Amino acid sequence: MKLKEAPGFSGTTQADTPLPPTTSAQRFMSLRHAALCLLLLVTASCRDLRDLSELGAALQQQYPDARVSVSLTDGLILTVTVADSAFAAASCEGQAAVATRIASLVRSNYGGFDSLQTLSVAFASSRSRGRATTGSAGSHFRFAPDRLSRGLTPIDSTRAVESCKAWRELQ
């Protein structure tokens, strides 16, 4: 019994057709393309690292008695953690004021500010061994960079304090 071929089917498939051999020039172009992509990735990473380092130095200069760390997630979320027991135990109003000053400092000193989606400022307790923990006394404040660029209003501060108080009530 002979199978009937579908219209437009020639009896061969793409898998049956051998690929033309690659030339050394094609392999060179492929390697060159891969190297260029790697170089762009490394360059972007180095720029982020340099910007974070400069921001960390500016924050440490502003808050010399606190351990301040910065981290960047996916190039979109910048987190500043302040490990200082006094800040962590401060009132919500005090933390909101410090978080707002830190956010303004980030806006002025972080080269990648315009590409951020979120800026988070966290307060953590310090332990004697220098390890930071986010205890019940700490809080997180989140800022939208576009709001920071336009300028925060008193209502933004009020909302931050209310959010902090609500978070503490849950603890």
N, C-alpha and C. Protein backbone atom coordinates (compact mmCIF):
# COMPACT_ATOMS: atom_id res chain seq x y z
N MET A 1 0.85 -1.16 0.00
CA MET A 1 0.00 0.00 0.00
C MET A 1 0.90 1.23 0.00
N LYS A 2 0.65 2.14 -0.91
CA LYS A 2 1.44 3.35 -1.04
C LYS A 2 0.72 4.51 -0.36
N LEU A 3 1.51 5.27 0.46
CA LEU A 3 0.93 6.43 1.15
C LEU A 3 0.81 7.59 0.19
N LYS A 4 -0.23 8.32 0.33
CA LYS A 4 -0.47 9.48 -0.51
C LYS A 4 0.25 10.68 0.11
N GLU A 5 0.96 11.44 -0.68
CA GLU A 5 1.67 12.63 -0.19
C GLU A 5 0.73 13.81 -0.13
N ALA A 6 0.95 14.65 0.88
CA ALA A 6 0.17 15.87 1.02
C ALA A 6 0.55 16.83 -0.10
N PRO A 7 -0.38 17.67 -0.55
CA PRO A 7 -0.06 18.63 -1.60
C PRO A 7 1.07 19.56 -1.14
N GLY A 8 2.02 19.79 -2.00
CA GLY A 8 3.14 20.68 -1.71
C GLY A 8 4.26 20.00 -0.96
N PHE A 9 4.13 18.71 -0.66
CA PHE A 9 5.16 17.98 0.07
C PHE A 9 6.07 17.30 -0.93
N SER A 10 7.37 17.53 -0.81
CA SER A 10 8.29 16.99 -1.79
C SER A 10 8.88 15.65 -1.37
N GLY A 11 8.60 15.21 -0.17
CA GLY A 11 9.13 13.93 0.26
C GLY A 11 10.40 14.06 1.09
N THR A 12 10.96 15.24 1.17
CA THR A 12 12.14 15.45 2.02
C THR A 12 11.79 16.49 3.09
N THR A 13 12.49 16.42 4.19
CA THR A 13 12.26 17.37 5.28
C THR A 13 13.51 18.20 5.46
N GLN A 14 13.39 19.20 6.31
CA GLN A 14 14.54 20.04 6.59
C GLN A 14 15.65 19.23 7.23
N ALA A 15 15.27 18.26 8.03
CA ALA A 15 16.27 17.42 8.70
C ALA A 15 17.06 16.61 7.68
N ASP A 16 16.45 16.31 6.51
CA ASP A 16 17.14 15.55 5.48
C ASP A 16 18.13 16.41 4.71
N THR A 17 17.95 17.72 4.73
CA THR A 17 18.81 18.61 3.97
C THR A 17 20.04 18.95 4.81
N PRO A 18 21.23 18.62 4.32
CA PRO A 18 22.43 18.92 5.11
C PRO A 18 22.69 20.43 5.16
N LEU A 19 23.21 20.86 6.30
CA LEU A 19 23.56 22.27 6.45
C LEU A 19 24.88 22.53 5.74
N PRO A 20 25.02 23.72 5.18
CA PRO A 20 26.30 24.02 4.54
C PRO A 20 27.39 24.10 5.61
N PRO A 21 28.58 23.70 5.29
CA PRO A 21 29.65 23.76 6.28
C PRO A 21 29.93 25.21 6.67
N THR A 22 30.24 25.40 7.96
CA THR A 22 30.54 26.76 8.41
C THR A 22 32.00 27.05 8.08
N THR A 23 32.20 28.26 7.71
CA THR A 23 33.56 28.67 7.38
C THR A 23 34.22 29.25 8.63
N SER A 24 35.52 29.39 8.56
CA SER A 24 36.23 29.96 9.70
C SER A 24 35.81 31.42 9.91
N ALA A 25 35.46 32.11 8.84
CA ALA A 25 35.01 33.50 8.96
C ALA A 25 33.68 33.57 9.72
N GLN A 26 32.78 32.59 9.46
CA GLN A 26 31.51 32.57 10.17
C GLN A 26 31.72 32.25 11.65
N ARG A 27 32.61 31.32 11.94
CA ARG A 27 32.91 30.99 13.33
C ARG A 27 33.54 32.19 14.04
N PHE A 28 34.42 32.91 13.34
CA PHE A 28 35.05 34.09 13.92
C PHE A 28 33.99 35.15 14.24
N MET A 29 33.05 35.38 13.33
CA MET A 29 31.99 36.37 13.54
C MET A 29 31.12 35.95 14.73
N SER A 30 30.84 34.66 14.85
CA SER A 30 30.04 34.17 15.96
C SER A 30 30.77 34.39 17.29
N LEU A 31 32.06 34.09 17.32
CA LEU A 31 32.86 34.31 18.52
C LEU A 31 32.96 35.80 18.84
N ARG A 32 33.13 36.60 17.81
CA ARG A 32 33.23 38.04 17.99
C ARG A 32 31.93 38.60 18.57
N HIS A 33 30.80 38.10 18.07
CA HIS A 33 29.50 38.53 18.57
C HIS A 33 29.35 38.14 20.05
N ALA A 34 29.72 36.92 20.40
CA ALA A 34 29.63 36.47 21.79
C ALA A 34 30.55 37.30 22.69
N ALA A 35 31.75 37.60 22.23
CA ALA A 35 32.69 38.40 23.01
C ALA A 35 32.14 39.81 23.22
N LEU A 36 31.53 40.38 22.20
CA LEU A 36 30.95 41.71 22.31
C LEU A 36 29.82 41.73 23.33
N CYS A 37 28.97 40.72 23.30
CA CYS A 37 27.87 40.63 24.27
C CYS A 37 28.43 40.51 25.70
N LEU A 38 29.44 39.69 25.87
CA LEU A 38 30.07 39.53 27.19
C LEU A 38 30.69 40.84 27.65
N LEU A 39 31.35 41.55 26.76
CA LEU A 39 31.96 42.83 27.10
C LEU A 39 30.91 43.85 27.54
N LEU A 40 29.78 43.90 26.85
CA LEU A 40 28.71 44.82 27.23
C LEU A 40 28.16 44.47 28.61
N LEU A 41 28.00 43.18 28.88
CA LEU A 41 27.51 42.74 30.18
C LEU A 41 28.48 43.12 31.29
N VAL A 42 29.76 42.87 31.08
CA VAL A 42 30.77 43.21 32.08
C VAL A 42 30.84 44.72 32.30
N THR A 43 30.76 45.47 31.22
CA THR A 43 30.81 46.94 31.32
C THR A 43 29.63 47.46 32.14
N ALA A 44 28.45 46.95 31.86
CA ALA A 44 27.26 47.38 32.61
C ALA A 44 27.39 46.99 34.07
N SER A 45 27.89 45.81 34.34
CA SER A 45 28.06 45.36 35.72
C SER A 45 29.08 46.22 36.45
N CYS A 46 30.17 46.57 35.79
CA CYS A 46 31.19 47.41 36.41
C CYS A 46 30.65 48.80 36.71
N ARG A 47 29.83 49.33 35.81
CA ARG A 47 29.24 50.66 36.03
C ARG A 47 28.32 50.61 37.24
N ASP A 48 27.48 49.55 37.33
CA ASP A 48 26.61 49.40 38.49
C ASP A 48 27.42 49.29 39.77
N LEU A 49 28.48 48.50 39.73
CA LEU A 49 29.33 48.32 40.90
C LEU A 49 29.99 49.63 41.31
N ARG A 50 30.47 50.39 40.35
CA ARG A 50 31.10 51.68 40.65
C ARG A 50 30.07 52.64 41.26
N ASP A 51 28.87 52.70 40.66
CA ASP A 51 27.82 53.59 41.17
C ASP A 51 27.42 53.20 42.60
N LEU A 52 27.30 51.89 42.86
CA LEU A 52 26.95 51.42 44.20
C LEU A 52 28.04 51.75 45.20
N SER A 53 29.29 51.59 44.77
CA SER A 53 30.41 51.89 45.65
C SER A 53 30.45 53.37 46.01
N GLU A 54 30.24 54.23 45.04
CA GLU A 54 30.22 55.67 45.29
C GLU A 54 29.07 56.05 46.21
N LEU A 55 27.91 55.43 46.00
CA LEU A 55 26.76 55.69 46.86
C LEU A 55 27.05 55.23 48.28
N GLY A 56 27.61 54.04 48.42
CA GLY A 56 27.95 53.53 49.75
C GLY A 56 28.90 54.46 50.48
N ALA A 57 29.89 55.00 49.78
CA ALA A 57 30.85 55.93 50.39
C ALA A 57 30.14 57.21 50.83
N ALA A 58 29.23 57.73 50.01
CA ALA A 58 28.50 58.95 50.36
C ALA A 58 27.61 58.71 51.58
N LEU A 59 26.96 57.55 51.63
CA LEU A 59 26.10 57.24 52.77
C LEU A 59 26.93 57.06 54.04
N GLN A 60 28.07 56.39 53.92
CA GLN A 60 28.93 56.17 55.08
C GLN A 60 29.48 57.49 55.61
N GLN A 61 29.75 58.42 54.70
CA GLN A 61 30.22 59.74 55.13
C GLN A 61 29.12 60.49 55.87
N GLN A 62 27.89 60.35 55.41
CA GLN A 62 26.76 61.03 56.04
C GLN A 62 26.39 60.38 57.38
N TYR A 63 26.53 59.05 57.46
CA TYR A 63 26.15 58.30 58.67
C TYR A 63 27.34 57.46 59.14
N PRO A 64 28.38 58.11 59.67
CA PRO A 64 29.62 57.40 60.00
C PRO A 64 29.51 56.40 61.15
N ASP A 65 28.53 56.57 62.03
CA ASP A 65 28.39 55.67 63.17
C ASP A 65 27.53 54.45 62.87
N ALA A 66 26.92 54.41 61.72
CA ALA A 66 26.06 53.29 61.35
C ALA A 66 26.73 52.44 60.28
N ARG A 67 26.38 51.17 60.26
CA ARG A 67 26.82 50.31 59.16
C ARG A 67 25.77 50.43 58.07
N VAL A 68 26.18 50.93 56.94
CA VAL A 68 25.26 51.14 55.82
C VAL A 68 25.67 50.23 54.67
N SER A 69 24.69 49.50 54.14
CA SER A 69 24.98 48.66 52.98
C SER A 69 23.97 48.98 51.88
N VAL A 70 24.40 48.79 50.64
CA VAL A 70 23.52 49.02 49.50
C VAL A 70 23.53 47.76 48.64
N SER A 71 22.38 47.45 48.07
CA SER A 71 22.29 46.31 47.16
C SER A 71 21.34 46.66 46.03
N LEU A 72 21.60 46.07 44.88
CA LEU A 72 20.80 46.32 43.69
C LEU A 72 20.27 44.98 43.19
N THR A 73 18.96 44.91 42.99
CA THR A 73 18.33 43.69 42.51
C THR A 73 17.81 43.90 41.10
N ASP A 74 18.31 43.12 40.18
CA ASP A 74 17.89 43.16 38.77
C ASP A 74 18.03 44.54 38.15
N GLY A 75 18.87 45.38 38.72
CA GLY A 75 19.08 46.72 38.20
C GLY A 75 17.89 47.64 38.40
N LEU A 76 16.87 47.17 39.15
CA LEU A 76 15.63 47.92 39.29
C LEU A 76 15.28 48.32 40.71
N ILE A 77 15.73 47.51 41.68
CA ILE A 77 15.37 47.75 43.07
C ILE A 77 16.64 48.00 43.86
N LEU A 78 16.78 49.20 44.38
CA LEU A 78 17.93 49.56 45.19
C LEU A 78 17.49 49.55 46.65
N THR A 79 18.24 48.80 47.47
CA THR A 79 17.94 48.71 48.89
C THR A 79 19.11 49.27 49.67
N VAL A 80 18.82 50.20 50.55
CA VAL A 80 19.81 50.75 51.49
C VAL A 80 19.42 50.24 52.86
N THR A 81 20.33 49.53 53.51
CA THR A 81 20.08 49.02 54.85
C THR A 81 20.99 49.74 55.83
N VAL A 82 20.39 50.31 56.85
CA VAL A 82 21.12 51.03 57.89
C VAL A 82 21.08 50.16 59.14
N ALA A 83 22.24 49.61 59.51
CA ALA A 83 22.34 48.76 60.69
C ALA A 83 22.85 49.61 61.85
N ASP A 84 21.90 50.06 62.64
CA ASP A 84 22.24 50.88 63.80
C ASP A 84 21.07 50.73 64.78
N SER A 85 21.38 50.28 65.97
CA SER A 85 20.32 50.01 66.95
C SER A 85 19.52 51.26 67.29
N ALA A 86 20.17 52.41 67.34
CA ALA A 86 19.46 53.65 67.67
C ALA A 86 18.45 54.00 66.58
N PHE A 87 18.86 53.88 65.31
CA PHE A 87 17.91 54.15 64.21
C PHE A 87 16.80 53.12 64.20
N ALA A 88 17.14 51.85 64.44
CA ALA A 88 16.14 50.77 64.40
C ALA A 88 15.09 50.95 65.49
N ALA A 89 15.48 51.50 66.62
CA ALA A 89 14.55 51.68 67.74
C ALA A 89 13.88 53.05 67.73
N ALA A 90 14.23 53.90 66.79
CA ALA A 90 13.67 55.26 66.74
C ALA A 90 12.17 55.22 66.45
N SER A 91 11.52 56.33 66.73
CA SER A 91 10.09 56.45 66.43
C SER A 91 9.88 56.36 64.93
N CYS A 92 8.66 56.09 64.55
CA CYS A 92 8.34 56.04 63.12
C CYS A 92 8.59 57.40 62.46
N GLU A 93 8.31 58.47 63.17
CA GLU A 93 8.56 59.80 62.62
C GLU A 93 10.06 60.01 62.39
N GLY A 94 10.87 59.58 63.35
CA GLY A 94 12.32 59.71 63.22
C GLY A 94 12.86 58.86 62.07
N GLN A 95 12.38 57.63 61.97
CA GLN A 95 12.83 56.76 60.87
C GLN A 95 12.39 57.31 59.52
N ALA A 96 11.17 57.81 59.44
CA ALA A 96 10.68 58.36 58.17
C ALA A 96 11.52 59.55 57.74
N ALA A 97 11.91 60.39 58.71
CA ALA A 97 12.74 61.55 58.38
C ALA A 97 14.11 61.12 57.87
N VAL A 98 14.72 60.15 58.53
CA VAL A 98 16.04 59.65 58.10
C VAL A 98 15.91 58.96 56.74
N ALA A 99 14.87 58.15 56.57
CA ALA A 99 14.67 57.45 55.29
C ALA A 99 14.50 58.45 54.15
N THR A 100 13.80 59.53 54.40
CA THR A 100 13.61 60.56 53.37
C THR A 100 14.92 61.25 53.03
N ARG A 101 15.74 61.53 54.05
CA ARG A 101 17.06 62.13 53.79
C ARG A 101 17.95 61.18 53.00
N ILE A 102 17.89 59.88 53.34
CA ILE A 102 18.68 58.88 52.61
C ILE A 102 18.20 58.80 51.17
N ALA A 103 16.89 58.82 50.96
CA ALA A 103 16.35 58.76 49.59
C ALA A 103 16.81 59.95 48.77
N SER A 104 16.85 61.12 49.38
CA SER A 104 17.33 62.32 48.67
C SER A 104 18.82 62.19 48.35
N LEU A 105 19.57 61.63 49.29
CA LEU A 105 21.00 61.44 49.07
C LEU A 105 21.24 60.43 47.93
N VAL A 106 20.42 59.38 47.88
CA VAL A 106 20.52 58.40 46.78
C VAL A 106 20.23 59.09 45.46
N ARG A 107 19.20 59.89 45.43
CA ARG A 107 18.84 60.61 44.20
C ARG A 107 20.00 61.46 43.70
N SER A 108 20.71 62.09 44.61
CA SER A 108 21.82 62.97 44.24
C SER A 108 23.11 62.24 43.92
N ASN A 109 23.31 61.04 44.50
CA ASN A 109 24.62 60.39 44.42
C ASN A 109 24.65 59.06 43.68
N TYR A 110 23.52 58.55 43.24
CA TYR A 110 23.52 57.26 42.55
C TYR A 110 23.33 57.46 41.05
N GLY A 111 24.33 57.07 40.28
CA GLY A 111 24.32 57.27 38.84
C GLY A 111 23.20 56.56 38.10
N GLY A 112 22.73 55.44 38.63
CA GLY A 112 21.67 54.68 37.96
C GLY A 112 20.29 54.99 38.48
N PHE A 113 20.13 56.13 39.15
CA PHE A 113 18.85 56.47 39.78
C PHE A 113 17.69 56.45 38.79
N ASP A 114 17.89 56.97 37.60
CA ASP A 114 16.79 57.08 36.63
C ASP A 114 16.28 55.74 36.13
N SER A 115 17.06 54.67 36.29
CA SER A 115 16.62 53.36 35.83
C SER A 115 15.96 52.54 36.93
N LEU A 116 15.87 53.07 38.13
CA LEU A 116 15.27 52.33 39.24
C LEU A 116 13.75 52.33 39.18
N GLN A 117 13.15 51.25 39.69
CA GLN A 117 11.71 51.21 39.87
C GLN A 117 11.33 51.47 41.32
N THR A 118 12.19 51.01 42.23
CA THR A 118 11.91 51.15 43.66
C THR A 118 13.18 51.44 44.43
N LEU A 119 13.08 52.30 45.39
CA LEU A 119 14.15 52.55 46.34
C LEU A 119 13.61 52.17 47.71
N SER A 120 14.30 51.27 48.38
CA SER A 120 13.88 50.81 49.69
C SER A 120 14.94 51.18 50.71
N VAL A 121 14.51 51.74 51.83
CA VAL A 121 15.41 52.05 52.93
C VAL A 121 14.94 51.22 54.12
N ALA A 122 15.86 50.42 54.66
CA ALA A 122 15.53 49.53 55.77
C ALA A 122 16.42 49.85 56.97
N PHE A 123 15.84 49.71 58.14
CA PHE A 123 16.59 49.90 59.38
C PHE A 123 16.68 48.55 60.08
N ALA A 124 17.87 48.23 60.57
CA ALA A 124 18.09 46.95 61.23
C ALA A 124 18.88 47.16 62.51
N SER A 125 18.67 46.26 63.46
CA SER A 125 19.45 46.30 64.70
C SER A 125 20.84 45.76 64.42
N SER A 126 21.80 46.23 65.20
CA SER A 126 23.17 45.71 65.10
C SER A 126 23.39 44.76 66.25
N ARG A 127 24.15 43.71 66.00
CA ARG A 127 24.58 42.81 67.06
C ARG A 127 26.03 43.09 67.36
N SER A 128 26.50 42.60 68.46
CA SER A 128 27.87 42.87 68.87
C SER A 128 28.89 42.33 67.88
N ARG A 129 28.57 41.29 67.14
CA ARG A 129 29.51 40.73 66.17
C ARG A 129 29.46 41.46 64.83
N GLY A 130 28.68 42.51 64.76
CA GLY A 130 28.65 43.30 63.53
C GLY A 130 27.67 42.77 62.50
N ARG A 131 26.85 41.81 62.88
CA ARG A 131 25.87 41.28 61.93
C ARG A 131 24.58 42.07 62.04
N ALA A 132 23.99 42.33 60.92
CA ALA A 132 22.73 43.09 60.91
C ALA A 132 21.55 42.13 60.88
N THR A 133 20.53 42.45 61.64
CA THR A 133 19.31 41.66 61.62
C THR A 133 18.13 42.60 61.47
N THR A 134 17.12 42.13 60.80
CA THR A 134 15.91 42.94 60.72
C THR A 134 14.98 42.46 61.81
N GLY A 135 15.05 43.11 62.94
CA GLY A 135 14.25 42.74 64.10
C GLY A 135 12.93 43.47 64.10
N SER A 136 12.21 43.29 65.20
CA SER A 136 10.89 43.92 65.29
C SER A 136 10.99 45.44 65.36
N ALA A 137 12.17 45.94 65.73
CA ALA A 137 12.30 47.40 65.84
C ALA A 137 12.52 48.06 64.48
N GLY A 138 12.94 47.30 63.49
CA GLY A 138 13.27 47.87 62.19
C GLY A 138 12.06 48.08 61.31
N SER A 139 12.22 48.93 60.32
CA SER A 139 11.15 49.22 59.38
C SER A 139 11.72 49.35 57.98
N HIS A 140 10.84 49.24 57.00
CA HIS A 140 11.22 49.43 55.61
C HIS A 140 10.39 50.58 55.04
N PHE A 141 11.05 51.44 54.33
CA PHE A 141 10.37 52.55 53.66
C PHE A 141 10.66 52.43 52.17
N ARG A 142 9.64 52.50 51.36
CA ARG A 142 9.81 52.37 49.92
C ARG A 142 9.44 53.69 49.24
N PHE A 143 10.26 54.03 48.25
CA PHE A 143 10.04 55.26 47.52
C PHE A 143 10.02 54.95 46.02
N ALA A 144 9.12 55.60 45.32
CA ALA A 144 9.11 55.52 43.85
C ALA A 144 10.04 56.62 43.35
N PRO A 145 11.06 56.26 42.56
CA PRO A 145 12.00 57.28 42.09
C PRO A 145 11.35 58.46 41.37
N ASP A 146 10.27 58.22 40.64
CA ASP A 146 9.63 59.34 39.95
C ASP A 146 9.02 60.32 40.96
N ARG A 147 8.54 59.81 42.10
CA ARG A 147 8.02 60.71 43.15
C ARG A 147 9.16 61.51 43.77
N LEU A 148 10.30 60.85 43.97
CA LEU A 148 11.46 61.56 44.52
C LEU A 148 11.93 62.65 43.57
N SER A 149 11.89 62.36 42.28
CA SER A 149 12.32 63.35 41.28
C SER A 149 11.42 64.58 41.29
N ARG A 150 10.13 64.36 41.48
CA ARG A 150 9.18 65.48 41.51
C ARG A 150 9.20 66.19 42.85
N GLY A 151 9.69 65.50 43.88
CA GLY A 151 9.73 66.08 45.22
C GLY A 151 8.65 65.47 46.10
N LEU A 152 9.06 65.01 47.27
CA LEU A 152 8.10 64.44 48.20
C LEU A 152 7.30 65.55 48.86
N THR A 153 6.07 65.23 49.17
CA THR A 153 5.17 66.19 49.80
C THR A 153 4.96 65.78 51.26
N PRO A 154 4.40 66.67 52.06
CA PRO A 154 4.11 66.30 53.46
C PRO A 154 3.19 65.08 53.55
N ILE A 155 2.30 64.91 52.60
CA ILE A 155 1.40 63.75 52.63
C ILE A 155 2.19 62.45 52.46
N ASP A 156 3.29 62.49 51.68
CA ASP A 156 4.14 61.31 51.53
C ASP A 156 4.75 60.93 52.87
N SER A 157 5.20 61.91 53.64
CA SER A 157 5.78 61.65 54.96
C SER A 157 4.73 61.10 55.91
N THR A 158 3.54 61.66 55.86
CA THR A 158 2.45 61.18 56.71
C THR A 158 2.13 59.73 56.40
N ARG A 159 2.06 59.38 55.13
CA ARG A 159 1.78 57.99 54.73
C ARG A 159 2.90 57.05 55.19
N ALA A 160 4.13 57.50 55.09
CA ALA A 160 5.26 56.67 55.52
C ALA A 160 5.18 56.40 57.02
N VAL A 161 4.86 57.41 57.80
CA VAL A 161 4.75 57.24 59.26
C VAL A 161 3.58 56.30 59.57
N GLU A 162 2.45 56.49 58.91
CA GLU A 162 1.29 55.62 59.14
C GLU A 162 1.61 54.17 58.79
N SER A 163 2.31 53.96 57.71
CA SER A 163 2.70 52.62 57.29
C SER A 163 3.62 51.98 58.32
N CYS A 164 4.57 52.74 58.82
CA CYS A 164 5.50 52.26 59.85
C CYS A 164 4.74 51.86 61.11
N LYS A 165 3.82 52.70 61.55
CA LYS A 165 3.04 52.41 62.76
C LYS A 165 2.18 51.17 62.57
N ALA A 166 1.58 51.02 61.41
CA ALA A 166 0.76 49.83 61.13
C ALA A 166 1.63 48.58 61.15
N TRP A 167 2.82 48.67 60.57
CA TRP A 167 3.73 47.52 60.56
C TRP A 167 4.14 47.14 61.98
N ARG A 168 4.41 48.14 62.81
CA ARG A 168 4.81 47.87 64.20
C ARG A 168 3.68 47.25 65.00
N GLU A 169 2.45 47.66 64.72
CA GLU A 169 1.30 47.06 65.42
C GLU A 169 1.17 45.59 65.11
N LEU A 170 1.59 45.18 63.92
CA LEU A 170 1.51 43.77 63.53
C LEU A 170 2.59 42.93 64.21
N GLN A 171 3.63 43.58 64.70
CA GLN A 171 4.75 42.84 65.31
C GLN A 171 4.43 42.36 66.70
